[in-house]
N, C-alpha and C. Protein backbone atom coordinates (compact mmCIF):
# COMPACT_ATOMS: atom_id res chain seq x y z
N MET A 1 -30.97 62.90 40.43
CA MET A 1 -32.03 63.41 41.15
C MET A 1 -32.11 65.12 40.39
N PRO A 2 -33.24 65.54 40.40
CA PRO A 2 -33.44 66.81 40.67
C PRO A 2 -33.17 67.86 41.19
N ASP A 3 -32.91 68.91 41.05
CA ASP A 3 -32.08 69.83 42.26
C ASP A 3 -33.04 69.90 42.89
N SER A 4 -34.37 70.24 43.12
CA SER A 4 -35.35 70.18 43.92
C SER A 4 -36.65 68.98 43.94
N LEU A 5 -36.99 68.29 45.09
CA LEU A 5 -37.80 67.16 45.02
C LEU A 5 -38.96 67.87 46.51
N HIS A 6 -39.59 66.75 45.82
CA HIS A 6 -40.95 66.92 47.16
C HIS A 6 -41.13 65.31 48.09
N ILE A 7 -41.02 66.28 49.23
CA ILE A 7 -40.58 65.15 49.91
C ILE A 7 -42.03 65.20 51.07
N LEU A 8 -42.40 63.95 51.74
CA LEU A 8 -43.71 63.36 52.39
C LEU A 8 -42.38 63.07 53.94
N ALA A 9 -42.69 63.54 55.19
CA ALA A 9 -41.70 63.50 56.05
C ALA A 9 -42.80 63.24 57.23
N LEU A 10 -42.39 61.98 57.68
CA LEU A 10 -42.81 61.87 59.32
C LEU A 10 -41.81 61.74 60.20
N GLY A 11 -42.34 62.31 61.41
CA GLY A 11 -41.55 62.20 62.55
C GLY A 11 -40.77 63.55 62.74
N ALA A 12 -41.19 64.45 61.75
CA ALA A 12 -40.58 65.81 61.45
C ALA A 12 -40.68 66.64 62.40
N THR A 13 -41.36 66.41 63.45
CA THR A 13 -41.95 67.76 64.72
C THR A 13 -40.96 67.36 65.95
N GLY A 14 -40.16 66.32 65.54
CA GLY A 14 -39.55 65.65 66.69
C GLY A 14 -38.19 65.91 66.70
N PRO A 15 -37.03 65.78 67.42
CA PRO A 15 -36.04 66.59 67.56
C PRO A 15 -35.08 66.33 66.51
N SER A 16 -35.40 65.24 65.81
CA SER A 16 -34.36 64.33 64.93
C SER A 16 -35.39 65.22 63.51
N GLY A 17 -36.13 65.38 63.44
CA GLY A 17 -37.01 65.68 62.56
C GLY A 17 -36.68 67.12 61.92
N VAL A 18 -36.82 68.36 63.37
CA VAL A 18 -36.48 69.56 62.77
C VAL A 18 -35.45 70.03 62.03
N PRO A 19 -34.07 69.37 62.05
CA PRO A 19 -32.85 69.68 62.15
C PRO A 19 -32.86 69.44 60.11
N PHE A 20 -33.38 68.15 59.78
CA PHE A 20 -33.68 67.74 58.34
C PHE A 20 -34.42 68.67 57.91
N CYS A 21 -35.66 69.15 58.82
CA CYS A 21 -36.55 70.13 57.37
C CYS A 21 -35.56 71.66 57.37
N HIS A 22 -34.94 71.81 58.41
CA HIS A 22 -34.23 73.21 58.08
C HIS A 22 -33.53 72.79 56.92
N ASP A 23 -33.22 71.44 56.95
CA ASP A 23 -31.46 71.55 55.91
C ASP A 23 -32.28 71.32 54.63
N ALA A 24 -33.31 70.56 54.75
CA ALA A 24 -33.62 70.31 53.47
C ALA A 24 -34.54 71.60 52.74
N LEU A 25 -35.10 72.55 53.50
CA LEU A 25 -35.88 73.91 52.82
C LEU A 25 -34.42 74.65 52.59
N ALA A 26 -33.45 74.42 53.12
CA ALA A 26 -31.84 75.36 52.72
C ALA A 26 -31.93 75.17 51.84
N ARG A 27 -31.80 73.39 51.13
CA ARG A 27 -31.42 72.95 49.41
C ARG A 27 -32.41 73.60 48.41
N GLY A 28 -33.70 73.86 49.13
CA GLY A 28 -34.47 73.77 47.95
C GLY A 28 -35.50 72.79 47.67
N HIS A 29 -36.04 72.17 48.80
CA HIS A 29 -36.63 70.89 48.41
C HIS A 29 -37.91 71.20 49.56
N THR A 30 -38.99 70.68 48.69
CA THR A 30 -40.54 70.93 49.04
C THR A 30 -41.13 69.97 50.41
N LEU A 31 -41.52 70.19 50.68
CA LEU A 31 -41.89 69.25 52.02
C LEU A 31 -43.42 69.16 52.30
N MET A 32 -44.02 67.91 52.70
CA MET A 32 -44.95 67.89 53.28
C MET A 32 -44.77 66.97 54.68
N ILE A 33 -44.91 67.99 55.63
CA ILE A 33 -45.36 67.23 56.96
C ILE A 33 -46.17 66.67 57.36
N TYR A 34 -45.72 65.33 57.82
CA TYR A 34 -47.06 64.84 58.46
C TYR A 34 -46.98 64.31 60.15
N GLY A 35 -47.88 64.96 61.22
CA GLY A 35 -47.87 64.65 61.85
C GLY A 35 -49.03 64.92 63.43
N ARG A 36 -48.80 64.29 64.48
CA ARG A 36 -50.28 64.26 65.62
C ARG A 36 -50.07 66.19 65.94
N ASN A 37 -48.73 66.74 66.17
CA ASN A 37 -49.19 68.22 66.73
C ASN A 37 -47.67 68.83 65.80
N PRO A 38 -48.31 69.25 64.15
CA PRO A 38 -47.78 70.19 63.08
C PRO A 38 -47.32 71.48 64.34
N GLN A 39 -48.10 71.89 65.34
CA GLN A 39 -48.29 72.98 65.84
C GLN A 39 -46.80 73.26 66.49
N LYS A 40 -45.87 72.17 66.94
CA LYS A 40 -45.18 71.61 67.57
C LYS A 40 -43.71 72.36 67.06
N LEU A 41 -43.73 72.58 65.70
CA LEU A 41 -42.78 72.95 64.64
C LEU A 41 -42.52 74.75 64.38
N PRO A 42 -41.25 74.93 64.66
CA PRO A 42 -40.84 76.28 64.79
C PRO A 42 -41.62 77.16 63.69
N ALA A 43 -41.74 78.14 63.45
CA ALA A 43 -42.33 79.20 62.44
C ALA A 43 -41.56 79.00 61.59
N SER A 44 -40.14 78.97 61.67
CA SER A 44 -39.47 79.03 60.29
C SER A 44 -39.31 77.64 59.47
N ILE A 45 -40.44 76.69 59.74
CA ILE A 45 -41.06 75.56 59.16
C ILE A 45 -42.18 75.72 58.61
N SER A 46 -43.19 75.98 59.67
CA SER A 46 -44.52 75.42 59.60
C SER A 46 -45.18 76.69 58.94
N GLN A 47 -44.43 77.95 58.74
CA GLN A 47 -44.64 78.98 57.81
C GLN A 47 -44.04 79.50 56.49
N HIS A 48 -42.99 78.04 56.18
CA HIS A 48 -42.58 78.25 54.89
C HIS A 48 -43.16 78.24 53.99
N PRO A 49 -43.10 78.81 52.93
CA PRO A 49 -43.85 78.45 51.69
C PRO A 49 -43.87 77.34 50.82
N LYS A 50 -42.89 76.32 51.02
CA LYS A 50 -42.57 75.13 50.49
C LYS A 50 -42.86 74.32 51.61
N VAL A 51 -43.68 74.29 52.65
CA VAL A 51 -44.03 73.46 53.44
C VAL A 51 -45.59 73.42 53.57
N THR A 52 -46.19 72.15 53.72
CA THR A 52 -47.52 71.84 53.78
C THR A 52 -47.65 71.22 54.72
N LEU A 53 -48.57 70.69 55.55
CA LEU A 53 -48.96 70.49 56.83
C LEU A 53 -50.36 69.60 57.27
N ILE A 54 -50.04 68.44 57.42
CA ILE A 54 -51.05 67.29 57.71
C ILE A 54 -51.32 67.07 59.00
N GLN A 55 -52.21 67.30 59.70
CA GLN A 55 -52.22 66.81 60.78
C GLN A 55 -53.10 65.36 61.16
N GLY A 56 -52.60 64.58 61.46
CA GLY A 56 -52.92 62.90 61.88
C GLY A 56 -52.11 62.23 62.88
N LYS A 57 -52.77 60.75 63.32
CA LYS A 57 -51.85 59.93 64.06
C LYS A 57 -51.72 58.86 63.03
N CYS A 58 -50.58 58.01 63.80
CA CYS A 58 -50.35 56.72 62.74
C CYS A 58 -51.65 56.18 62.35
N SER A 59 -52.70 55.77 63.06
CA SER A 59 -53.39 55.12 62.81
C SER A 59 -54.98 56.05 62.08
N ASP A 60 -54.42 56.89 61.66
CA ASP A 60 -55.65 57.76 60.72
C ASP A 60 -55.74 57.14 59.17
N GLU A 61 -56.08 56.39 58.76
CA GLU A 61 -55.59 56.05 57.29
C GLU A 61 -56.19 56.97 56.26
N ALA A 62 -57.54 57.82 56.73
CA ALA A 62 -57.73 58.85 55.57
C ALA A 62 -56.61 59.93 55.67
N GLN A 63 -55.96 60.12 56.75
CA GLN A 63 -54.97 61.21 56.49
C GLN A 63 -53.77 60.62 55.89
N LEU A 64 -53.66 59.42 56.59
CA LEU A 64 -52.45 58.93 55.76
C LEU A 64 -52.66 58.40 54.32
N GLU A 65 -53.49 58.65 53.82
CA GLU A 65 -53.66 58.11 52.06
C GLU A 65 -53.30 59.87 51.76
N ARG A 66 -54.26 60.45 52.72
CA ARG A 66 -54.15 62.31 52.06
C ARG A 66 -52.87 62.48 51.71
N ALA A 67 -51.82 62.12 52.44
CA ALA A 67 -50.17 62.33 52.75
C ALA A 67 -49.83 61.80 51.50
N ALA A 68 -49.94 60.51 51.49
CA ALA A 68 -49.31 59.61 50.53
C ALA A 68 -49.48 60.07 49.08
N ASN A 69 -50.90 60.59 48.56
CA ASN A 69 -51.37 61.67 47.76
C ASN A 69 -51.37 62.68 47.35
N CYS A 70 -50.04 63.10 48.10
CA CYS A 70 -49.59 64.53 47.91
C CYS A 70 -48.45 64.78 46.66
N GLY A 71 -48.10 64.09 45.88
CA GLY A 71 -47.21 64.27 44.71
C GLY A 71 -45.71 64.17 45.20
N ALA A 72 -45.39 63.47 46.85
CA ALA A 72 -44.09 63.61 46.84
C ALA A 72 -43.37 62.48 46.34
N SER A 73 -42.04 62.84 45.55
CA SER A 73 -41.51 61.66 44.94
C SER A 73 -40.27 61.14 45.94
N VAL A 74 -40.32 61.33 47.58
CA VAL A 74 -39.72 60.55 48.31
C VAL A 74 -40.39 60.65 49.97
N PHE A 75 -39.83 59.73 50.88
CA PHE A 75 -40.58 59.63 51.55
C PHE A 75 -39.74 59.20 52.82
N VAL A 76 -39.36 60.08 53.85
CA VAL A 76 -38.58 59.54 54.94
C VAL A 76 -39.53 59.91 56.60
N SER A 77 -38.85 58.99 56.93
CA SER A 77 -39.67 59.06 58.58
C SER A 77 -38.30 58.91 59.57
N PHE A 78 -38.51 60.07 60.70
CA PHE A 78 -38.34 59.91 61.92
C PHE A 78 -38.50 59.07 62.82
N LEU A 79 -39.76 58.87 62.48
CA LEU A 79 -40.47 57.77 63.99
C LEU A 79 -39.51 56.97 64.88
N GLY A 80 -39.85 57.32 65.93
CA GLY A 80 -38.48 56.08 67.06
C GLY A 80 -39.35 55.79 67.61
N PRO A 81 -38.41 55.04 68.30
CA PRO A 81 -39.43 53.77 69.89
C PRO A 81 -39.97 54.73 70.51
N ILE A 82 -41.14 54.05 71.34
CA ILE A 82 -42.14 54.94 71.98
C ILE A 82 -42.08 54.01 73.50
N ALA A 83 -41.54 54.43 74.52
CA ALA A 83 -41.54 53.55 75.91
C ALA A 83 -42.54 52.87 76.29
N GLU A 84 -43.48 53.91 76.45
CA GLU A 84 -44.95 52.58 77.03
C GLU A 84 -46.21 52.68 75.61
N GLN A 85 -45.76 51.91 74.69
CA GLN A 85 -46.26 52.01 73.53
C GLN A 85 -47.68 50.85 73.76
N GLN A 86 -48.43 50.61 72.52
CA GLN A 86 -49.57 49.30 72.95
C GLN A 86 -49.87 49.17 71.36
N GLY A 87 -49.57 47.81 71.58
CA GLY A 87 -49.24 47.23 69.78
C GLY A 87 -48.10 47.77 69.00
N PHE A 88 -48.31 47.62 67.90
CA PHE A 88 -46.73 47.77 66.80
C PHE A 88 -47.61 49.27 66.13
N PRO A 89 -47.93 50.71 66.74
CA PRO A 89 -48.57 51.29 66.03
C PRO A 89 -47.64 51.96 64.36
N MET A 90 -46.13 51.83 64.64
CA MET A 90 -45.36 52.50 63.40
C MET A 90 -45.40 51.20 62.47
N PHE A 91 -45.50 50.31 63.09
CA PHE A 91 -45.40 49.40 61.69
C PHE A 91 -46.89 48.97 60.98
N THR A 92 -47.78 49.17 61.54
CA THR A 92 -49.27 49.27 61.17
C THR A 92 -49.62 50.65 60.45
N ALA A 93 -48.89 51.85 60.80
CA ALA A 93 -48.82 53.01 59.67
C ALA A 93 -48.00 52.35 58.11
N TYR A 94 -47.10 52.20 58.83
CA TYR A 94 -46.06 51.75 57.06
C TYR A 94 -46.69 50.75 56.44
N LYS A 95 -46.90 49.61 57.02
CA LYS A 95 -47.79 48.77 56.39
C LYS A 95 -48.85 49.25 55.39
N PHE A 96 -49.88 50.06 56.05
CA PHE A 96 -51.04 50.99 55.48
C PHE A 96 -50.02 51.59 53.92
N LEU A 97 -49.44 52.45 54.52
CA LEU A 97 -48.69 53.64 54.16
C LEU A 97 -47.73 53.09 52.16
N ILE A 98 -47.11 51.99 53.14
CA ILE A 98 -46.08 51.48 51.67
C ILE A 98 -46.87 51.41 50.23
N PRO A 99 -47.83 50.59 50.76
CA PRO A 99 -48.34 50.57 49.63
C PRO A 99 -48.91 51.91 48.29
N LEU A 100 -49.81 52.66 49.66
CA LEU A 100 -50.00 53.85 48.75
C LEU A 100 -48.92 54.49 48.13
N LEU A 101 -47.34 54.26 48.93
CA LEU A 101 -46.89 55.51 48.32
C LEU A 101 -46.58 54.79 46.72
N LEU A 102 -46.39 53.24 46.70
CA LEU A 102 -46.23 52.63 45.51
C LEU A 102 -47.42 53.08 44.35
N LYS A 103 -48.42 53.38 44.75
CA LYS A 103 -49.69 53.85 44.14
C LYS A 103 -49.82 54.73 43.32
N TYR A 104 -49.21 56.04 44.29
CA TYR A 104 -48.70 57.22 44.01
C TYR A 104 -48.01 57.23 43.42
N GLN A 105 -47.29 56.66 43.09
CA GLN A 105 -45.68 56.90 42.48
C GLN A 105 -44.81 57.74 43.39
N CYS A 106 -44.42 57.10 44.61
CA CYS A 106 -43.16 57.52 45.07
C CYS A 106 -42.37 56.89 44.57
N THR A 107 -41.31 57.06 44.28
CA THR A 107 -40.11 56.28 44.31
C THR A 107 -38.27 56.00 45.42
N ARG A 108 -38.66 56.44 46.20
CA ARG A 108 -37.52 56.53 47.23
C ARG A 108 -38.26 56.42 48.62
N ALA A 109 -37.69 55.67 49.62
CA ALA A 109 -37.90 55.80 50.84
C ALA A 109 -36.50 55.49 52.15
N LEU A 110 -36.52 56.52 53.19
CA LEU A 110 -35.78 55.98 53.64
C LEU A 110 -36.78 56.25 55.56
N ILE A 111 -35.95 55.30 56.32
CA ILE A 111 -36.93 54.99 57.32
C ILE A 111 -36.11 54.64 58.62
N LEU A 112 -35.98 55.14 59.65
CA LEU A 112 -35.36 55.13 60.76
C LEU A 112 -35.43 53.90 61.53
N CYS A 113 -34.57 53.05 61.80
CA CYS A 113 -34.87 51.70 62.41
C CYS A 113 -33.82 52.16 63.82
N THR A 114 -33.91 50.76 64.46
CA THR A 114 -32.74 50.51 65.33
C THR A 114 -31.93 49.52 65.23
N PRO A 115 -31.10 49.67 66.24
CA PRO A 115 -30.07 48.17 66.26
C PRO A 115 -30.93 46.92 66.46
N ALA A 116 -31.99 47.39 66.96
CA ALA A 116 -33.11 45.47 67.15
C ALA A 116 -32.98 44.90 65.93
N PHE A 117 -32.93 45.08 64.62
CA PHE A 117 -33.05 44.45 63.47
C PHE A 117 -31.71 44.43 63.09
N ASP A 118 -31.94 42.80 62.55
CA ASP A 118 -30.02 42.62 62.12
C ASP A 118 -30.45 42.37 60.84
N ALA A 119 -29.43 43.58 60.27
CA ALA A 119 -29.71 43.33 58.72
C ALA A 119 -28.69 42.11 58.09
N PRO A 120 -29.02 41.68 57.12
CA PRO A 120 -28.33 39.86 56.76
C PRO A 120 -26.52 40.95 55.94
N GLU A 121 -26.07 41.69 56.09
CA GLU A 121 -24.98 42.13 55.90
C GLU A 121 -23.98 42.44 57.31
N ASP A 122 -24.64 42.46 58.69
CA ASP A 122 -24.27 42.75 59.76
C ASP A 122 -23.43 41.61 60.06
N ARG A 123 -22.47 41.81 60.40
CA ARG A 123 -21.40 40.51 61.43
C ARG A 123 -21.75 39.93 63.18
N ASN A 124 -21.00 39.29 63.56
CA ASN A 124 -21.21 39.04 64.64
C ASN A 124 -20.38 40.01 65.51
N SER A 125 -21.32 40.60 66.52
CA SER A 125 -20.61 41.37 67.52
C SER A 125 -20.91 41.77 68.83
N PRO A 126 -19.88 41.18 69.93
CA PRO A 126 -20.85 40.70 71.35
C PRO A 126 -20.82 42.19 71.87
N PHE A 127 -19.94 43.23 71.15
CA PHE A 127 -20.45 44.74 71.83
C PHE A 127 -22.16 45.24 71.18
N TRP A 128 -22.42 44.84 70.20
CA TRP A 128 -23.59 45.44 69.74
C TRP A 128 -24.66 44.21 70.16
N ASP A 129 -24.37 42.95 70.52
CA ASP A 129 -25.39 42.17 71.39
C ASP A 129 -25.65 42.53 72.35
N GLN A 130 -24.99 42.98 73.24
CA GLN A 130 -25.22 44.01 74.53
C GLN A 130 -26.23 45.26 74.35
N VAL A 131 -25.95 45.71 73.00
CA VAL A 131 -27.10 47.10 73.16
C VAL A 131 -28.22 46.40 72.55
N ARG A 132 -28.02 45.47 71.76
CA ARG A 132 -29.81 45.45 71.25
C ARG A 132 -30.50 44.51 72.77
N ALA A 133 -29.47 44.16 73.77
CA ALA A 133 -30.17 43.00 74.57
C ALA A 133 -30.88 44.12 75.69
N GLY A 134 -29.85 45.52 75.78
CA GLY A 134 -30.55 46.70 76.44
C GLY A 134 -31.76 47.50 75.76
N ILE A 135 -31.77 46.90 74.76
CA ILE A 135 -32.91 47.60 74.18
C ILE A 135 -34.41 46.54 74.54
N GLN A 136 -33.80 45.44 73.89
CA GLN A 136 -35.12 44.49 74.55
C GLN A 136 -35.51 44.53 75.94
N SER A 137 -34.46 44.83 76.54
CA SER A 137 -34.71 44.99 77.93
C SER A 137 -35.80 46.03 78.76
N HIS A 138 -35.12 47.11 77.95
CA HIS A 138 -36.26 48.35 78.43
C HIS A 138 -37.24 48.78 77.67
N ILE A 139 -37.02 48.47 76.09
CA ILE A 139 -38.30 48.84 75.58
C ILE A 139 -38.76 47.41 74.55
N PRO A 140 -38.95 46.55 75.34
CA PRO A 140 -39.31 45.22 74.76
C PRO A 140 -40.51 45.31 73.51
N LEU A 141 -41.51 45.84 73.41
CA LEU A 141 -42.39 45.72 72.57
C LEU A 141 -42.17 46.90 71.36
N SER A 142 -41.15 47.99 71.63
CA SER A 142 -40.67 48.43 70.42
C SER A 142 -39.62 47.64 70.26
N PHE A 143 -38.67 46.91 70.53
CA PHE A 143 -37.62 45.81 70.12
C PHE A 143 -38.59 45.11 68.72
N GLN A 144 -39.36 44.24 69.85
CA GLN A 144 -40.33 43.60 68.71
C GLN A 144 -40.70 44.09 67.31
N GLU A 145 -41.58 45.44 67.51
CA GLU A 145 -41.58 46.14 66.50
C GLU A 145 -40.41 46.51 65.19
N MET A 146 -39.65 46.81 65.79
CA MET A 146 -38.72 47.28 65.02
C MET A 146 -38.44 45.69 64.10
N LYS A 147 -38.06 44.73 64.74
CA LYS A 147 -37.83 43.53 63.63
C LYS A 147 -38.68 43.23 63.34
N THR A 148 -40.24 43.36 63.25
CA THR A 148 -41.25 43.23 62.57
C THR A 148 -41.13 44.01 61.32
N LEU A 149 -40.89 45.43 61.35
CA LEU A 149 -40.70 46.15 60.15
C LEU A 149 -39.74 46.20 59.15
N GLY A 150 -38.50 45.61 60.11
CA GLY A 150 -37.13 45.16 59.43
C GLY A 150 -37.31 44.00 58.19
N ASN A 151 -38.38 43.30 58.70
CA ASN A 151 -38.18 41.96 58.25
C ASN A 151 -39.28 42.51 56.55
N TYR A 152 -40.42 43.26 57.20
CA TYR A 152 -41.80 43.81 56.44
C TYR A 152 -40.89 44.51 55.19
N MET A 153 -40.00 45.41 55.29
CA MET A 153 -39.18 46.32 54.19
C MET A 153 -38.40 45.38 53.81
N SER A 154 -37.54 44.22 54.03
CA SER A 154 -36.65 43.60 53.55
C SER A 154 -37.44 42.82 52.66
N SER A 155 -39.13 42.75 52.63
CA SER A 155 -39.93 42.05 51.32
C SER A 155 -40.33 42.64 50.29
N ILE A 156 -39.89 44.21 50.35
CA ILE A 156 -40.47 44.88 49.26
C ILE A 156 -38.85 45.13 48.25
N PRO A 157 -39.35 44.61 46.92
CA PRO A 157 -38.19 44.84 46.19
C PRO A 157 -37.87 46.23 45.83
N THR A 158 -36.27 46.55 45.60
CA THR A 158 -36.07 47.79 45.73
C THR A 158 -36.00 48.04 44.18
N ASP A 159 -36.76 47.31 43.34
CA ASP A 159 -37.36 47.68 41.87
C ASP A 159 -38.19 48.51 41.86
N ASP A 160 -39.10 48.24 43.10
CA ASP A 160 -40.50 48.83 43.10
C ASP A 160 -40.65 50.17 43.97
N LEU A 161 -39.77 49.80 44.72
CA LEU A 161 -39.58 51.15 45.99
C LEU A 161 -38.02 51.50 46.09
N LYS A 162 -37.36 52.39 46.02
CA LYS A 162 -35.75 52.26 46.60
C LYS A 162 -36.09 52.46 48.07
N TRP A 163 -36.10 51.85 48.49
CA TRP A 163 -36.13 51.89 50.24
C TRP A 163 -34.81 51.80 50.73
N SER A 164 -34.78 52.46 52.13
CA SER A 164 -33.30 52.34 52.65
C SER A 164 -33.78 52.32 54.15
N MET A 165 -32.98 51.70 55.10
CA MET A 165 -33.67 51.67 56.15
C MET A 165 -31.79 52.36 57.18
N PHE A 166 -32.25 52.83 57.85
CA PHE A 166 -31.13 53.31 58.50
C PHE A 166 -30.90 53.48 60.00
N GLN A 167 -30.11 52.77 60.68
CA GLN A 167 -30.05 52.39 62.04
C GLN A 167 -28.92 53.25 62.75
N VAL A 168 -29.42 53.56 63.82
CA VAL A 168 -28.67 54.91 64.57
C VAL A 168 -28.00 54.52 66.31
N PRO A 169 -27.12 54.40 66.39
CA PRO A 169 -27.27 54.70 68.04
C PRO A 169 -27.76 56.22 68.61
N HIS A 170 -27.24 56.17 70.24
CA HIS A 170 -27.59 57.15 70.81
C HIS A 170 -27.50 58.64 70.26
N LEU A 171 -28.63 59.37 70.20
CA LEU A 171 -28.54 60.47 69.40
C LEU A 171 -28.40 61.99 70.59
N THR A 172 -27.99 62.88 70.01
CA THR A 172 -27.08 63.85 70.50
C THR A 172 -27.50 65.21 70.04
N ASP A 173 -27.60 66.28 70.45
CA ASP A 173 -27.70 67.82 69.72
C ASP A 173 -26.16 68.67 69.28
N ASP A 174 -25.03 67.34 69.40
CA ASP A 174 -24.05 68.32 69.24
C ASP A 174 -23.93 68.42 67.74
N GLU A 175 -23.25 69.46 67.36
CA GLU A 175 -23.49 70.22 65.75
C GLU A 175 -22.96 69.25 64.96
N ALA A 176 -23.04 69.24 63.61
CA ALA A 176 -22.68 68.21 62.52
C ALA A 176 -21.40 68.13 62.04
N LYS A 177 -21.14 66.46 62.04
CA LYS A 177 -20.00 66.34 61.83
C LYS A 177 -19.71 65.19 60.68
N PRO A 178 -18.91 64.65 59.92
CA PRO A 178 -19.09 63.75 58.92
C PRO A 178 -19.63 62.39 59.60
N VAL A 179 -20.02 61.53 59.16
CA VAL A 179 -21.10 60.22 59.46
C VAL A 179 -20.32 59.18 58.93
N ASN A 180 -20.02 58.36 59.92
CA ASN A 180 -19.71 57.09 59.57
C ASN A 180 -20.58 56.47 59.58
N GLU A 181 -20.75 55.77 58.24
CA GLU A 181 -21.83 54.45 58.06
C GLU A 181 -20.95 52.97 57.45
N ALA A 182 -21.63 52.20 58.57
CA ALA A 182 -21.05 51.00 58.45
C ALA A 182 -22.28 49.98 58.47
N TRP A 183 -22.10 48.59 58.66
CA TRP A 183 -22.42 47.24 59.27
C TRP A 183 -22.02 46.93 60.46
N VAL A 184 -22.75 46.89 61.53
CA VAL A 184 -22.71 46.43 62.61
C VAL A 184 -21.78 45.15 62.29
N CYS A 185 -20.57 45.20 63.07
CA CYS A 185 -19.34 44.88 63.78
C CYS A 185 -18.51 45.03 64.65
N ASP A 186 -17.66 43.99 65.65
CA ASP A 186 -17.28 44.45 66.71
C ASP A 186 -16.27 45.67 66.44
N GLU A 187 -15.84 45.92 64.96
CA GLU A 187 -14.57 47.00 65.00
C GLU A 187 -15.28 48.46 64.92
N ASN A 188 -16.66 48.43 64.91
CA ASN A 188 -17.73 49.63 64.67
C ASN A 188 -17.95 49.95 66.02
N ARG A 189 -17.87 50.93 66.88
CA ARG A 189 -18.10 50.83 68.55
C ARG A 189 -18.70 52.07 68.42
N GLY A 190 -19.08 52.68 67.75
CA GLY A 190 -19.77 54.20 67.93
C GLY A 190 -20.89 54.23 68.48
N VAL A 191 -20.94 55.06 69.73
CA VAL A 191 -22.14 55.03 70.58
C VAL A 191 -22.89 55.96 70.66
N SER A 192 -22.71 57.00 69.68
CA SER A 192 -23.88 58.68 69.47
C SER A 192 -23.45 59.05 67.89
N LEU A 193 -24.31 59.73 67.90
CA LEU A 193 -24.52 60.42 66.54
C LEU A 193 -25.41 61.44 67.10
N SER A 194 -24.65 62.54 66.01
CA SER A 194 -25.81 64.09 66.24
C SER A 194 -26.66 64.29 65.38
N ARG A 195 -27.99 64.42 65.98
CA ARG A 195 -29.03 64.86 64.76
C ARG A 195 -28.73 65.74 63.90
N PRO A 196 -27.82 66.93 64.24
CA PRO A 196 -27.28 67.71 62.65
C PRO A 196 -26.69 66.81 61.77
N SER A 197 -26.18 66.25 62.08
CA SER A 197 -25.34 65.09 61.58
C SER A 197 -26.05 64.27 60.61
N LEU A 198 -27.08 63.51 61.33
CA LEU A 198 -28.08 62.49 60.76
C LEU A 198 -28.66 62.86 59.79
N ALA A 199 -29.22 64.43 59.95
CA ALA A 199 -30.12 65.62 59.12
C ALA A 199 -29.27 65.40 57.61
N VAL A 200 -28.01 65.72 57.67
CA VAL A 200 -27.07 65.93 56.33
C VAL A 200 -26.97 64.56 55.76
N TRP A 201 -27.00 63.46 56.49
CA TRP A 201 -26.55 62.28 56.01
C TRP A 201 -27.86 61.68 55.52
N VAL A 202 -29.11 62.02 55.77
CA VAL A 202 -30.24 61.51 55.35
C VAL A 202 -30.24 62.39 53.85
N LEU A 203 -30.29 63.30 54.39
CA LEU A 203 -30.40 64.15 52.50
C LEU A 203 -29.80 64.20 51.73
N ASP A 204 -28.31 63.70 52.08
CA ASP A 204 -26.99 63.16 50.93
C ASP A 204 -27.73 61.93 50.44
N GLU A 205 -28.15 61.30 51.46
CA GLU A 205 -28.39 59.82 50.63
C GLU A 205 -29.52 59.74 49.82
N ILE A 206 -30.36 60.40 50.13
CA ILE A 206 -31.81 60.85 49.25
C ILE A 206 -31.02 61.42 47.64
N GLU A 207 -30.17 62.34 48.10
CA GLU A 207 -29.61 62.88 46.58
C GLU A 207 -28.80 62.10 45.98
N LYS A 208 -28.05 61.02 46.36
CA LYS A 208 -27.39 60.18 45.77
C LYS A 208 -28.36 58.92 45.64
N GLY A 209 -29.48 58.49 45.93
CA GLY A 209 -30.14 57.43 45.62
C GLY A 209 -29.66 56.12 45.65
N GLY A 210 -29.08 56.04 46.81
CA GLY A 210 -28.91 54.86 47.47
C GLY A 210 -29.94 53.76 48.04
N VAL A 211 -30.04 52.42 47.76
CA VAL A 211 -31.01 51.95 47.83
C VAL A 211 -30.92 50.69 49.13
N GLY A 212 -31.69 49.64 49.81
CA GLY A 212 -31.67 48.31 50.61
C GLY A 212 -30.78 48.70 52.02
N TRP A 213 -30.07 48.00 52.11
CA TRP A 213 -29.72 47.95 53.68
C TRP A 213 -27.79 48.19 53.60
N GLU A 214 -27.85 49.27 52.34
CA GLU A 214 -26.42 49.35 51.84
C GLU A 214 -25.53 50.18 53.27
N SER A 215 -26.68 50.90 54.03
CA SER A 215 -26.17 51.55 55.01
C SER A 215 -26.85 51.56 56.55
N SER A 216 -26.57 50.35 56.83
CA SER A 216 -27.30 49.50 57.91
C SER A 216 -27.54 50.99 58.97
N ARG A 217 -26.13 51.12 59.20
CA ARG A 217 -25.90 52.13 60.66
C ARG A 217 -25.18 53.17 60.55
N VAL A 218 -25.62 53.98 61.03
CA VAL A 218 -24.85 55.69 60.83
C VAL A 218 -24.26 56.03 62.21
N GLU A 219 -23.13 56.18 62.17
CA GLU A 219 -22.31 57.04 63.66
C GLU A 219 -21.60 58.20 63.11
C-alpha cells in the first residue's frame, strides 16, 4: 500500500466515523467525505486541506456517482442501523454505488455490518444467537437489510474488489485498545468495542489489504 491513500468515507459524520477521520488524516491520507450533514464535522476535519465534502443522501444517485468518481482507491462505510427506517436505504445505496466504484477503479472496500449476517466461517454459538435475536426483535427491518447486504457483498468476487465486511458488538467511546478479531463462536463473547479502537483497526486493515470475511467480527 502507498504511504498516502485517497479514501471515500460514508458515515464519517457519526460517532464512529469522526475518530476514523482524525486518525486517517494523522496518517497522511486524503478523505472524500459523503454525508447528509457534513456540517456536523468538527472544523479540524471539515477545514483540513486533505478533506473534500459532498453533501447528499443515500438516495441521491447523482451525488453518489460524483463521490464514486472522486479518484479514491479505498471506500469505507460506517453507516449503521436506523431504528425507524423505511425500506432498505443503505443496501439500495450500496447496490448503486459498488458498481460505480468498480467503474472508477476503486480497489478496496470496508463496510460495517452487524451480527445479523452469518458469515460462512461463523460457528454455532447460543450466545450470539441470542444477540441476533435481540437485534431482530428491536430493529427487524435493519436486521433484514444487513442480511441482504451480506448476501450481496458475498456475491462480489474479491478479484474485482478487495472487500471486507466487519461486524461489531456494542460500541463505546472508551479509549483505543488492541482489538480482538474473530469469527462468531461461543468462545468469543466480547460484547463491546470502543470507537477509537475500531478506527485504528479499520485503518490497519486498509493498509495491510485483507479481503473477504477474514475478519468477520471485531471486539
